[in-house]
Amino acid sequence: MAMPLFAILFACTKEDVKPVADFSFRNETASIFVMATSDTCSLINRSQNAHSVSWDLGDGRKSSHPDITLSYDKSGTYDVTLTITNKDGQNTTVSKVVTVKDRVLRSINITKVY
């Protein structure tokens, strides 16, 4: 009688731990981020239950590093996608938008006029 109870206890204790994909731009939680060309921005991977990660930066670049830094040379709108996979092979994806604007001169200091 103890054997069936033992089998039931161990069969019920295995949890199906699903992956949860999430990231932020720096420490901002917005789903749309605006930056200038040639600026940099750290992507903070906040995923849970991830065994592996795959980034698609929206411009043809891909990475498998958990935390990366963004920088774009051209203005435009890019979809940044993070796909994570748990140790059981289940995966989930999250995407956020990056709007890159051309760098604009903010000020000019004139020290001498001839």
PDB file of N, CA and C in Angstrom:
ATOM      1  N   MET A   1       0.814  -1.200   0.000  1.00  0.00           N
ATOM      2  CA  MET A   1       0.000   0.000   0.000  1.00  0.00           C
ATOM      3  C   MET A   1       0.861   1.268   0.000  1.00  0.00           C
ATOM      4  N   ALA A   2       2.041   1.200   0.614  1.00  0.00           N
ATOM      5  CA  ALA A   2       2.921   2.360   0.673  1.00  0.00           C
ATOM      6  C   ALA A   2       3.491   2.692  -0.703  1.00  0.00           C
ATOM      7  N   MET A   3       3.732   1.724  -1.535  1.00  0.00           N
ATOM      8  CA  MET A   3       4.317   1.951  -2.855  1.00  0.00           C
ATOM      9  C   MET A   3       3.436   2.818  -3.745  1.00  0.00           C
ATOM     10  N   PRO A   4       2.123   2.585  -3.889  1.00  0.00           N
ATOM     11  CA  PRO A   4       1.301   3.465  -4.722  1.00  0.00           C
ATOM     12  C   PRO A   4       1.258   4.900  -4.191  1.00  0.00           C
ATOM     13  N   LEU A   5       1.227   5.084  -2.864  1.00  0.00           N
ATOM     14  CA  LEU A   5       1.222   6.423  -2.282  1.00  0.00           C
ATOM     15  C   LEU A   5       2.532   7.137  -2.595  1.00  0.00           C
ATOM     16  N   PHE A   6       3.653   6.428  -2.474  1.00  0.00           N
ATOM     17  CA  PHE A   6       4.970   6.971  -2.790  1.00  0.00           C
ATOM     18  C   PHE A   6       5.028   7.435  -4.248  1.00  0.00           C
ATOM     19  N   ALA A   7       4.511   6.630  -5.154  1.00  0.00           N
ATOM     20  CA  ALA A   7       4.503   6.957  -6.585  1.00  0.00           C
ATOM     21  C   ALA A   7       3.624   8.167  -6.865  1.00  0.00           C
ATOM     22  N   ILE A   8       2.499   8.271  -6.204  1.00  0.00           N
ATOM     23  CA  ILE A   8       1.593   9.411  -6.402  1.00  0.00           C
ATOM     24  C   ILE A   8       2.241  10.693  -5.911  1.00  0.00           C
ATOM     25  N   LEU A   9       2.909  10.664  -4.763  1.00  0.00           N
ATOM     26  CA  LEU A   9       3.558  11.864  -4.216  1.00  0.00           C
ATOM     27  C   LEU A   9       4.638  12.383  -5.153  1.00  0.00           C
ATOM     28  N   PHE A  10       5.476  11.507  -5.673  1.00  0.00           N
ATOM     29  CA  PHE A  10       6.547  11.962  -6.555  1.00  0.00           C
ATOM     30  C   PHE A  10       6.034  12.351  -7.932  1.00  0.00           C
ATOM     31  N   ALA A  11       4.983  11.765  -8.407  1.00  0.00           N
ATOM     32  CA  ALA A  11       4.405  12.129  -9.697  1.00  0.00           C
ATOM     33  C   ALA A  11       3.771  13.504  -9.630  1.00  0.00           C
ATOM     34  N   CYS A  12       3.256  13.883  -8.485  1.00  0.00           N
ATOM     35  CA  CYS A  12       2.572  15.167  -8.337  1.00  0.00           C
ATOM     36  C   CYS A  12       3.516  16.305  -7.968  1.00  0.00           C
ATOM     37  N   THR A  13       4.744  16.008  -7.559  1.00  0.00           N
ATOM     38  CA  THR A  13       5.631  17.078  -7.130  1.00  0.00           C
ATOM     39  C   THR A  13       6.407  17.712  -8.287  1.00  0.00           C
ATOM     40  N   LYS A  14       6.468  17.079  -9.430  1.00  0.00           N
ATOM     41  CA  LYS A  14       7.168  17.679 -10.563  1.00  0.00           C
ATOM     42  C   LYS A  14       6.343  18.842 -11.091  1.00  0.00           C
ATOM     43  N   GLU A  15       6.955  20.017 -11.079  1.00  0.00           N
ATOM     44  CA  GLU A  15       6.260  21.203 -11.553  1.00  0.00           C
ATOM     45  C   GLU A  15       6.647  21.487 -12.996  1.00  0.00           C
ATOM     46  N   ASP A  16       5.683  21.925 -13.758  1.00  0.00           N
ATOM     47  CA  ASP A  16       5.931  22.344 -15.128  1.00  0.00           C
ATOM     48  C   ASP A  16       6.288  23.826 -15.074  1.00  0.00           C
ATOM     49  N   VAL A  17       7.581  24.141 -15.052  1.00  0.00           N
ATOM     50  CA  VAL A  17       8.053  25.512 -14.896  1.00  0.00           C
ATOM     51  C   VAL A  17       8.176  26.145 -16.280  1.00  0.00           C
ATOM     52  N   LYS A  18       7.230  27.001 -16.594  1.00  0.00           N
ATOM     53  CA  LYS A  18       7.215  27.638 -17.909  1.00  0.00           C
ATOM     54  C   LYS A  18       8.132  28.856 -17.927  1.00  0.00           C
ATOM     55  N   PRO A  19       8.771  29.111 -19.047  1.00  0.00           N
ATOM     56  CA  PRO A  19       9.626  30.286 -19.150  1.00  0.00           C
ATOM     57  C   PRO A  19       8.785  31.559 -19.290  1.00  0.00           C
ATOM     58  N   VAL A  20       9.308  32.643 -18.748  1.00  0.00           N
ATOM     59  CA  VAL A  20       8.649  33.946 -18.853  1.00  0.00           C
ATOM     60  C   VAL A  20       9.681  34.921 -19.418  1.00  0.00           C
ATOM     61  N   ALA A  21       9.465  35.383 -20.645  1.00  0.00           N
ATOM     62  CA  ALA A  21      10.394  36.306 -21.299  1.00  0.00           C
ATOM     63  C   ALA A  21      10.035  37.740 -20.938  1.00  0.00           C
ATOM     64  N   ASP A  22      11.052  38.516 -20.549  1.00  0.00           N
ATOM     65  CA  ASP A  22      10.847  39.929 -20.239  1.00  0.00           C
ATOM     66  C   ASP A  22      12.196  40.636 -20.277  1.00  0.00           C
ATOM     67  N   PHE A  23      12.196  41.880 -20.723  1.00  0.00           N
ATOM     68  CA  PHE A  23      13.392  42.706 -20.685  1.00  0.00           C
ATOM     69  C   PHE A  23      12.992  44.157 -20.594  1.00  0.00           C
ATOM     70  N   SER A  24      13.951  44.987 -20.196  1.00  0.00           N
ATOM     71  CA  SER A  24      13.699  46.427 -20.140  1.00  0.00           C
ATOM     72  C   SER A  24      14.866  47.153 -20.791  1.00  0.00           C
ATOM     73  N   PHE A  25      14.612  48.382 -21.181  1.00  0.00           N
ATOM     74  CA  PHE A  25      15.642  49.270 -21.721  1.00  0.00           C
ATOM     75  C   PHE A  25      16.206  50.042 -20.532  1.00  0.00           C
ATOM     76  N   ARG A  26      17.493  49.853 -20.274  1.00  0.00           N
ATOM     77  CA  ARG A  26      18.111  50.376 -19.051  1.00  0.00           C
ATOM     78  C   ARG A  26      17.280  49.854 -17.905  1.00  0.00           C
ATOM     79  N   ASN A  27      16.635  50.683 -17.150  1.00  0.00           N
ATOM     80  CA  ASN A  27      15.725  50.207 -16.103  1.00  0.00           C
ATOM     81  C   ASN A  27      14.325  50.734 -16.333  1.00  0.00           C
ATOM     82  N   GLU A  28      14.017  51.111 -17.564  1.00  0.00           N
ATOM     83  CA  GLU A  28      12.700  51.620 -17.905  1.00  0.00           C
ATOM     84  C   GLU A  28      11.790  50.470 -18.326  1.00  0.00           C
ATOM     85  N   THR A  29      10.532  50.526 -17.943  1.00  0.00           N
ATOM     86  CA  THR A  29       9.611  49.430 -18.236  1.00  0.00           C
ATOM     87  C   THR A  29       8.765  49.673 -19.482  1.00  0.00           C
ATOM     88  N   ALA A  30       8.977  50.767 -20.181  1.00  0.00           N
ATOM     89  CA  ALA A  30       8.180  51.090 -21.370  1.00  0.00           C
ATOM     90  C   ALA A  30       8.373  50.041 -22.457  1.00  0.00           C
ATOM     91  N   SER A  31       7.338  49.857 -23.274  1.00  0.00           N
ATOM     92  CA  SER A  31       7.444  48.906 -24.379  1.00  0.00           C
ATOM     93  C   SER A  31       7.942  49.582 -25.654  1.00  0.00           C
ATOM     94  N   ILE A  32       8.053  50.920 -25.624  1.00  0.00           N
ATOM     95  CA  ILE A  32       8.623  51.669 -26.744  1.00  0.00           C
ATOM     96  C   ILE A  32       9.744  52.535 -26.181  1.00  0.00           C
ATOM     97  N   PHE A  33      10.894  52.486 -26.813  1.00  0.00           N
ATOM     98  CA  PHE A  33      12.053  53.229 -26.335  1.00  0.00           C
ATOM     99  C   PHE A  33      12.559  54.106 -27.477  1.00  0.00           C
ATOM    100  N   VAL A  34      12.931  55.348 -27.168  1.00  0.00           N
ATOM    101  CA  VAL A  34      13.440  56.281 -28.172  1.00  0.00           C
ATOM    102  C   VAL A  34      14.894  56.592 -27.833  1.00  0.00           C
ATOM    103  N   MET A  35      15.736  56.506 -28.850  1.00  0.00           N
ATOM    104  CA  MET A  35      17.148  56.824 -28.683  1.00  0.00           C
ATOM    105  C   MET A  35      17.670  57.480 -29.954  1.00  0.00           C
ATOM    106  N   ALA A  36      18.860  58.056 -29.884  1.00  0.00           N
ATOM    107  CA  ALA A  36      19.468  58.705 -31.047  1.00  0.00           C
ATOM    108  C   ALA A  36      20.476  57.757 -31.694  1.00  0.00           C
ATOM    109  N   THR A  37      20.766  57.995 -32.960  1.00  0.00           N
ATOM    110  CA  THR A  37      21.766  57.188 -33.653  1.00  0.00           C
ATOM    111  C   THR A  37      23.093  57.276 -32.895  1.00  0.00           C
ATOM    112  N   SER A  38      23.786  56.163 -32.837  1.00  0.00           N
ATOM    113  CA  SER A  38      25.088  56.016 -32.176  1.00  0.00           C
ATOM    114  C   SER A  38      25.036  56.111 -30.656  1.00  0.00           C
ATOM    115  N   ASP A  39      23.872  56.337 -30.055  1.00  0.00           N
ATOM    116  CA  ASP A  39      23.747  56.235 -28.598  1.00  0.00           C
ATOM    117  C   ASP A  39      23.795  54.764 -28.221  1.00  0.00           C
ATOM    118  N   THR A  40      23.980  54.478 -26.949  1.00  0.00           N
ATOM    119  CA  THR A  40      23.938  53.101 -26.470  1.00  0.00           C
ATOM    120  C   THR A  40      22.882  52.961 -25.386  1.00  0.00           C
ATOM    121  N   CYS A  41      22.339  51.772 -25.285  1.00  0.00           N
ATOM    122  CA  CYS A  41      21.320  51.474 -24.291  1.00  0.00           C
ATOM    123  C   CYS A  41      21.473  50.022 -23.860  1.00  0.00           C
ATOM    124  N   SER A  42      21.558  49.797 -22.553  1.00  0.00           N
ATOM    125  CA  SER A  42      21.657  48.436 -22.028  1.00  0.00           C
ATOM    126  C   SER A  42      20.285  47.784 -21.997  1.00  0.00           C
ATOM    127  N   LEU A  43      20.203  46.565 -22.504  1.00  0.00           N
ATOM    128  CA  LEU A  43      18.984  45.778 -22.377  1.00  0.00           C
ATOM    129  C   LEU A  43      19.139  44.898 -21.146  1.00  0.00           C
ATOM    130  N   ILE A  44      18.196  44.993 -20.229  1.00  0.00           N
ATOM    131  CA  ILE A  44      18.240  44.226 -18.991  1.00  0.00           C
ATOM    132  C   ILE A  44      17.298  43.035 -19.144  1.00  0.00           C
ATOM    133  N   ASN A  45      17.870  41.842 -19.135  1.00  0.00           N
ATOM    134  CA  ASN A  45      17.088  40.614 -19.277  1.00  0.00           C
ATOM    135  C   ASN A  45      16.447  40.295 -17.928  1.00  0.00           C
ATOM    136  N   ARG A  46      15.114  40.344 -17.852  1.00  0.00           N
ATOM    137  CA  ARG A  46      14.374  40.077 -16.622  1.00  0.00           C
ATOM    138  C   ARG A  46      13.599  38.753 -16.718  1.00  0.00           C
ATOM    139  N   SER A  47      14.008  37.898 -17.627  1.00  0.00           N
ATOM    140  CA  SER A  47      13.318  36.635 -17.868  1.00  0.00           C
ATOM    141  C   SER A  47      13.426  35.702 -16.668  1.00  0.00           C
ATOM    142  N   GLN A  48      12.473  34.799 -16.594  1.00  0.00           N
ATOM    143  CA  GLN A  48      12.465  33.793 -15.534  1.00  0.00           C
ATOM    144  C   GLN A  48      12.446  32.402 -16.166  1.00  0.00           C
ATOM    145  N   ASN A  49      13.136  31.483 -15.521  1.00  0.00           N
ATOM    146  CA  ASN A  49      13.181  30.079 -15.930  1.00  0.00           C
ATOM    147  C   ASN A  49      13.794  29.892 -17.318  1.00  0.00           C
ATOM    148  N   ALA A  50      14.805  30.705 -17.619  1.00  0.00           N
ATOM    149  CA  ALA A  50      15.451  30.638 -18.927  1.00  0.00           C
ATOM    150  C   ALA A  50      16.709  29.788 -18.858  1.00  0.00           C
ATOM    151  N   HIS A  51      16.817  28.856 -19.758  1.00  0.00           N
ATOM    152  CA  HIS A  51      18.022  28.044 -19.909  1.00  0.00           C
ATOM    153  C   HIS A  51      18.902  28.639 -21.014  1.00  0.00           C
ATOM    154  N   SER A  52      18.266  29.203 -22.035  1.00  0.00           N
ATOM    155  CA  SER A  52      18.997  29.874 -23.108  1.00  0.00           C
ATOM    156  C   SER A  52      18.185  31.064 -23.610  1.00  0.00           C
ATOM    157  N   VAL A  53      18.893  32.034 -24.195  1.00  0.00           N
ATOM    158  CA  VAL A  53      18.246  33.239 -24.716  1.00  0.00           C
ATOM    159  C   VAL A  53      18.664  33.472 -26.159  1.00  0.00           C
ATOM    160  N   SER A  54      17.790  34.150 -26.893  1.00  0.00           N
ATOM    161  CA  SER A  54      18.094  34.527 -28.269  1.00  0.00           C
ATOM    162  C   SER A  54      17.498  35.912 -28.520  1.00  0.00           C
ATOM    163  N   TRP A  55      18.357  36.867 -28.868  1.00  0.00           N
ATOM    164  CA  TRP A  55      17.927  38.229 -29.169  1.00  0.00           C
ATOM    165  C   TRP A  55      17.896  38.428 -30.681  1.00  0.00           C
ATOM    166  N   ASP A  56      16.892  39.135 -31.169  1.00  0.00           N
ATOM    167  CA  ASP A  56      16.836  39.629 -32.537  1.00  0.00           C
ATOM    168  C   ASP A  56      16.696  41.137 -32.411  1.00  0.00           C
ATOM    169  N   LEU A  57      17.700  41.885 -32.862  1.00  0.00           N
ATOM    170  CA  LEU A  57      17.723  43.331 -32.657  1.00  0.00           C
ATOM    171  C   LEU A  57      16.983  44.109 -33.732  1.00  0.00           C
ATOM    172  N   GLY A  58      16.366  43.427 -34.673  1.00  0.00           N
ATOM    173  CA  GLY A  58      15.510  44.083 -35.660  1.00  0.00           C
ATOM    174  C   GLY A  58      16.224  44.640 -36.868  1.00  0.00           C
ATOM    175  N   ASP A  59      17.542  44.567 -36.883  1.00  0.00           N
ATOM    176  CA  ASP A  59      18.302  45.089 -38.023  1.00  0.00           C
ATOM    177  C   ASP A  59      19.200  44.013 -38.637  1.00  0.00           C
ATOM    178  N   GLY A  60      18.876  42.758 -38.357  1.00  0.00           N
ATOM    179  CA  GLY A  60      19.659  41.655 -38.880  1.00  0.00           C
ATOM    180  C   GLY A  60      20.658  41.085 -37.882  1.00  0.00           C
ATOM    181  N   ARG A  61      20.923  41.809 -36.812  1.00  0.00           N
ATOM    182  CA  ARG A  61      21.847  41.308 -35.795  1.00  0.00           C
ATOM    183  C   ARG A  61      21.107  40.407 -34.812  1.00  0.00           C
ATOM    184  N   LYS A  62      21.798  39.367 -34.360  1.00  0.00           N
ATOM    185  CA  LYS A  62      21.246  38.432 -33.380  1.00  0.00           C
ATOM    186  C   LYS A  62      22.315  38.179 -32.321  1.00  0.00           C
ATOM    187  N   SER A  63      21.876  37.764 -31.122  1.00  0.00           N
ATOM    188  CA  SER A  63      22.810  37.480 -30.049  1.00  0.00           C
ATOM    189  C   SER A  63      22.226  36.431 -29.115  1.00  0.00           C
ATOM    190  N   SER A  64      23.107  35.690 -28.469  1.00  0.00           N
ATOM    191  CA  SER A  64      22.667  34.711 -27.480  1.00  0.00           C
ATOM    192  C   SER A  64      23.166  35.084 -26.077  1.00  0.00           C
ATOM    193  N   HIS A  65      23.707  36.276 -25.919  1.00  0.00           N
ATOM    194  CA  HIS A  65      24.147  36.749 -24.606  1.00  0.00           C
ATOM    195  C   HIS A  65      22.934  37.197 -23.796  1.00  0.00           C
ATOM    196  N   PRO A  66      22.886  36.894 -22.499  1.00  0.00           N
ATOM    197  CA  PRO A  66      21.714  37.267 -21.687  1.00  0.00           C
ATOM    198  C   PRO A  66      21.462  38.776 -21.636  1.00  0.00           C
ATOM    199  N   ASP A  67      22.499  39.581 -21.432  1.00  0.00           N
ATOM    200  CA  ASP A  67      22.356  41.040 -21.361  1.00  0.00           C
ATOM    201  C   ASP A  67      23.244  41.659 -22.429  1.00  0.00           C
ATOM    202  N   ILE A  68      22.673  42.567 -23.208  1.00  0.00           N
ATOM    203  CA  ILE A  68      23.434  43.168 -24.300  1.00  0.00           C
ATOM    204  C   ILE A  68      23.231  44.678 -24.319  1.00  0.00           C
ATOM    205  N   THR A  69      24.013  45.344 -25.160  1.00  0.00           N
ATOM    206  CA  THR A  69      23.922  46.791 -25.321  1.00  0.00           C
ATOM    207  C   THR A  69      23.506  47.096 -26.752  1.00  0.00           C
ATOM    208  N   LEU A  70      22.478  47.949 -26.875  1.00  0.00           N
ATOM    209  CA  LEU A  70      21.981  48.348 -28.195  1.00  0.00           C
ATOM    210  C   LEU A  70      22.703  49.590 -28.695  1.00  0.00           C
ATOM    211  N   SER A  71      22.883  49.674 -29.984  1.00  0.00           N
ATOM    212  CA  SER A  71      23.354  50.866 -30.655  1.00  0.00           C
ATOM    213  C   SER A  71      23.003  50.708 -32.134  1.00  0.00           C
ATOM    214  N   TYR A  72      22.456  51.747 -32.716  1.00  0.00           N
ATOM    215  CA  TYR A  72      22.078  51.711 -34.130  1.00  0.00           C
ATOM    216  C   TYR A  72      22.743  52.867 -34.857  1.00  0.00           C
ATOM    217  N   ASP A  73      23.236  52.602 -36.067  1.00  0.00           N
ATOM    218  CA  ASP A  73      23.877  53.634 -36.878  1.00  0.00           C
ATOM    219  C   ASP A  73      22.886  54.406 -37.731  1.00  0.00           C
ATOM    220  N   LYS A  74      21.713  53.819 -37.990  1.00  0.00           N
ATOM    221  CA  LYS A  74      20.722  54.448 -38.861  1.00  0.00           C
ATOM    222  C   LYS A  74      19.425  54.677 -38.107  1.00  0.00           C
ATOM    223  N   SER A  75      18.769  55.787 -38.421  1.00  0.00           N
ATOM    224  CA  SER A  75      17.478  56.065 -37.804  1.00  0.00           C
ATOM    225  C   SER A  75      16.431  55.095 -38.357  1.00  0.00           C
ATOM    226  N   GLY A  76      15.372  54.907 -37.609  1.00  0.00           N
ATOM    227  CA  GLY A  76      14.307  54.009 -38.030  1.00  0.00           C
ATOM    228  C   GLY A  76      13.608  53.402 -36.833  1.00  0.00           C
ATOM    229  N   THR A  77      12.699  52.498 -37.106  1.00  0.00           N
ATOM    230  CA  THR A  77      11.980  51.788 -36.063  1.00  0.00           C
ATOM    231  C   THR A  77      12.377  50.320 -36.123  1.00  0.00           C
ATOM    232  N   TYR A  78      12.778  49.783 -34.988  1.00  0.00           N
ATOM    233  CA  TYR A  78      13.275  48.415 -34.905  1.00  0.00           C
ATOM    234  C   TYR A  78      12.476  47.638 -33.859  1.00  0.00           C
ATOM    235  N   ASP A  79      12.118  46.409 -34.181  1.00  0.00           N
ATOM    236  CA  ASP A  79      11.478  45.514 -33.226  1.00  0.00           C
ATOM    237  C   ASP A  79      12.561  44.663 -32.586  1.00  0.00           C
ATOM    238  N   VAL A  80      12.747  44.819 -31.281  1.00  0.00           N
ATOM    239  CA  VAL A  80      13.711  44.014 -30.539  1.00  0.00           C
ATOM    240  C   VAL A  80      12.939  42.853 -29.929  1.00  0.00           C
ATOM    241  N   THR A  81      13.377  41.633 -30.222  1.00  0.00           N
ATOM    242  CA  THR A  81      12.665  40.438 -29.769  1.00  0.00           C
ATOM    243  C   THR A  81      13.596  39.560 -28.948  1.00  0.00           C
ATOM    244  N   LEU A  82      13.093  39.131 -27.802  1.00  0.00           N
ATOM    245  CA  LEU A  82      13.811  38.203 -26.941  1.00  0.00           C
ATOM    246  C   LEU A  82      13.022  36.901 -26.879  1.00  0.00           C
ATOM    247  N   THR A  83      13.673  35.800 -27.215  1.00  0.00           N
ATOM    248  CA  THR A  83      13.078  34.470 -27.088  1.00  0.00           C
ATOM    249  C   THR A  83      13.894  33.705 -26.067  1.00  0.00           C
ATOM    250  N   ILE A  84      13.208  33.146 -25.075  1.00  0.00           N
ATOM    251  CA  ILE A  84      13.913  32.330 -24.088  1.00  0.00           C
ATOM    252  C   ILE A  84      13.370  30.913 -24.127  1.00  0.00           C
ATOM    253  N   THR A  85      14.219  29.981 -23.773  1.00  0.00           N
ATOM    254  CA  THR A  85      13.864  28.566 -23.755  1.00  0.00           C
ATOM    255  C   THR A  85      14.256  27.998 -22.396  1.00  0.00           C
ATOM    256  N   ASN A  86      13.351  27.211 -21.792  1.00  0.00           N
ATOM    257  CA  ASN A  86      13.692  26.577 -20.519  1.00  0.00           C
ATOM    258  C   ASN A  86      14.388  25.248 -20.777  1.00  0.00           C
ATOM    259  N   LYS A  87      14.781  24.558 -19.718  1.00  0.00           N
ATOM    260  CA  LYS A  87      15.540  23.313 -19.878  1.00  0.00           C
ATOM    261  C   LYS A  87      14.718  22.187 -20.489  1.00  0.00           C
ATOM    262  N   ASP A  88      13.366  22.328 -20.498  1.00  0.00           N
ATOM    263  CA  ASP A  88      12.503  21.318 -21.100  1.00  0.00           C
ATOM    264  C   ASP A  88      12.201  21.604 -22.571  1.00  0.00           C
ATOM    265  N   GLY A  89      12.768  22.694 -23.113  1.00  0.00           N
ATOM    266  CA  GLY A  89      12.561  23.026 -24.517  1.00  0.00           C
ATOM    267  C   GLY A  89      11.370  23.931 -24.787  1.00  0.00           C
ATOM    268  N   GLN A  90      10.642  24.334 -23.752  1.00  0.00           N
ATOM    269  CA  GLN A  90       9.525  25.270 -23.943  1.00  0.00           C
ATOM    270  C   GLN A  90      10.105  26.663 -24.144  1.00  0.00           C
ATOM    271  N   ASN A  91       9.482  27.445 -25.033  1.00  0.00           N
ATOM    272  CA  ASN A  91       9.981  28.803 -25.228  1.00  0.00           C
ATOM    273  C   ASN A  91       8.856  29.814 -25.217  1.00  0.00           C
ATOM    274  N   THR A  92       9.249  31.059 -25.014  1.00  0.00           N
ATOM    275  CA  THR A  92       8.320  32.181 -25.052  1.00  0.00           C
ATOM    276  C   THR A  92       9.076  33.397 -25.569  1.00  0.00           C
ATOM    277  N   THR A  93       8.336  34.333 -26.137  1.00  0.00           N
ATOM    278  CA  THR A  93       8.934  35.484 -26.812  1.00  0.00           C
ATOM    279  C   THR A  93       8.266  36.773 -26.359  1.00  0.00           C
ATOM    280  N   VAL A  94       9.055  37.831 -26.282  1.00  0.00           N
ATOM    281  CA  VAL A  94       8.526  39.170 -26.022  1.00  0.00           C
ATOM    282  C   VAL A  94       9.228  40.131 -26.989  1.00  0.00           C
ATOM    283  N   SER A  95       8.471  41.099 -27.512  1.00  0.00           N
ATOM    284  CA  SER A  95       9.026  42.094 -28.429  1.00  0.00           C
ATOM    285  C   SER A  95       8.704  43.491 -27.929  1.00  0.00           C
ATOM    286  N   LYS A  96       9.643  44.404 -28.162  1.00  0.00           N
ATOM    287  CA  LYS A  96       9.444  45.815 -27.843  1.00  0.00           C
ATOM    288  C   LYS A  96      10.008  46.639 -28.989  1.00  0.00           C
ATOM    289  N   VAL A  97       9.551  47.870 -29.100  1.00  0.00           N
ATOM    290  CA  VAL A  97       9.910  48.732 -30.228  1.00  0.00           C
ATOM    291  C   VAL A  97      10.970  49.745 -29.806  1.00  0.00           C
ATOM    292  N   VAL A  98      11.975  49.921 -30.662  1.00  0.00           N
ATOM    293  CA  VAL A  98      12.987  50.953 -30.482  1.00  0.00           C
ATOM    294  C   VAL A  98      12.863  51.917 -31.651  1.00  0.00           C
ATOM    295  N   THR A  99      12.667  53.187 -31.340  1.00  0.00           N
ATOM    296  CA  THR A  99      12.648  54.231 -32.363  1.00  0.00           C
ATOM    297  C   THR A  99      13.976  54.973 -32.274  1.00  0.00           C
ATOM    298  N   VAL A 100      14.711  54.964 -33.373  1.00  0.00           N
ATOM    299  CA  VAL A 100      16.017  55.611 -33.420  1.00  0.00           C
ATOM    300  C   VAL A 100      15.895  56.862 -34.284  1.00  0.00           C
ATOM    301  N   LYS A 101      16.262  57.982 -33.687  1.00  0.00           N
ATOM    302  CA  LYS A 101      16.194  59.267 -34.401  1.00  0.00           C
ATOM    303  C   LYS A 101      17.596  59.756 -34.689  1.00  0.00           C
ATOM    304  N   ASP A 102      17.721  60.521 -35.783  1.00  0.00           N
ATOM    305  CA  ASP A 102      19.018  61.094 -36.124  1.00  0.00           C
ATOM    306  C   ASP A 102      19.461  62.049 -35.025  1.00  0.00           C
ATOM    307  N   ARG A 103      20.747  61.993 -34.732  1.00  0.00           N
ATOM    308  CA  ARG A 103      21.306  62.883 -33.724  1.00  0.00           C
ATOM    309  C   ARG A 103      21.179  64.324 -34.222  1.00  0.00           C
ATOM    310  N   VAL A 104      20.738  65.187 -33.333  1.00  0.00           N
ATOM    311  CA  VAL A 104      20.549  66.601 -33.667  1.00  0.00           C
ATOM    312  C   VAL A 104      21.496  67.417 -32.795  1.00  0.00           C
ATOM    313  N   LEU A 105      22.132  68.399 -33.396  1.00  0.00           N
ATOM    314  CA  LEU A 105      23.005  69.293 -32.654  1.00  0.00           C
ATOM    315  C   LEU A 105      22.174  70.051 -31.628  1.00  0.00           C
ATOM    316  N   ARG A 106      22.548  69.971 -30.364  1.00  0.00           N
ATOM    317  CA  ARG A 106      21.748  70.585 -29.306  1.00  0.00           C
ATOM    318  C   ARG A 106      22.190  72.000 -28.966  1.00  0.00           C
ATOM    319  N   SER A 107      23.473  72.282 -29.109  1.00  0.00           N
ATOM    320  CA  SER A 107      23.931  73.635 -28.789  1.00  0.00           C
ATOM    321  C   SER A 107      25.227  73.930 -29.517  1.00  0.00           C
ATOM    322  N   ILE A 108      25.457  75.209 -29.693  1.00  0.00           N
ATOM    323  CA  ILE A 108      26.712  75.680 -30.271  1.00  0.00           C
ATOM    324  C   ILE A 108      27.238  76.751 -29.331  1.00  0.00           C
ATOM    325  N   ASN A 109      28.473  76.591 -28.915  1.00  0.00           N
ATOM    326  CA  ASN A 109      29.114  77.602 -28.060  1.00  0.00           C
ATOM    327  C   ASN A 109      30.055  78.421 -28.913  1.00  0.00           C
ATOM    328  N   ILE A 110      29.826  79.703 -28.973  1.00  0.00           N
ATOM    329  CA  ILE A 110      30.702  80.613 -29.717  1.00  0.00           C
ATOM    330  C   ILE A 110      31.563  81.331 -28.694  1.00  0.00           C
ATOM    331  N   THR A 111      32.882  81.139 -28.814  1.00  0.00           N
ATOM    332  CA  THR A 111      33.789  81.755 -27.848  1.00  0.00           C
ATOM    333  C   THR A 111      34.384  83.056 -28.361  1.00  0.00           C
ATOM    334  N   LYS A 112      34.515  83.218 -29.668  1.00  0.00           N
ATOM    335  CA  LYS A 112      35.060  84.456 -30.242  1.00  0.00           C
ATOM    336  C   LYS A 112      34.359  84.767 -31.553  1.00  0.00           C
ATOM    337  N   VAL A 113      34.189  86.052 -31.793  1.00  0.00           N
ATOM    338  CA  VAL A 113      33.635  86.512 -33.065  1.00  0.00           C
ATOM    339  C   VAL A 113      34.635  87.490 -33.652  1.00  0.00           C
ATOM    340  N   TYR A 114      35.024  87.292 -34.921  1.00  0.00           N
ATOM    341  CA  TYR A 114      35.992  88.162 -35.583  1.00  0.00           C
ATOM    342  C   TYR A 114      35.311  89.055 -36.565  1.00  0.00           C
TER     343      TYR A 114
END
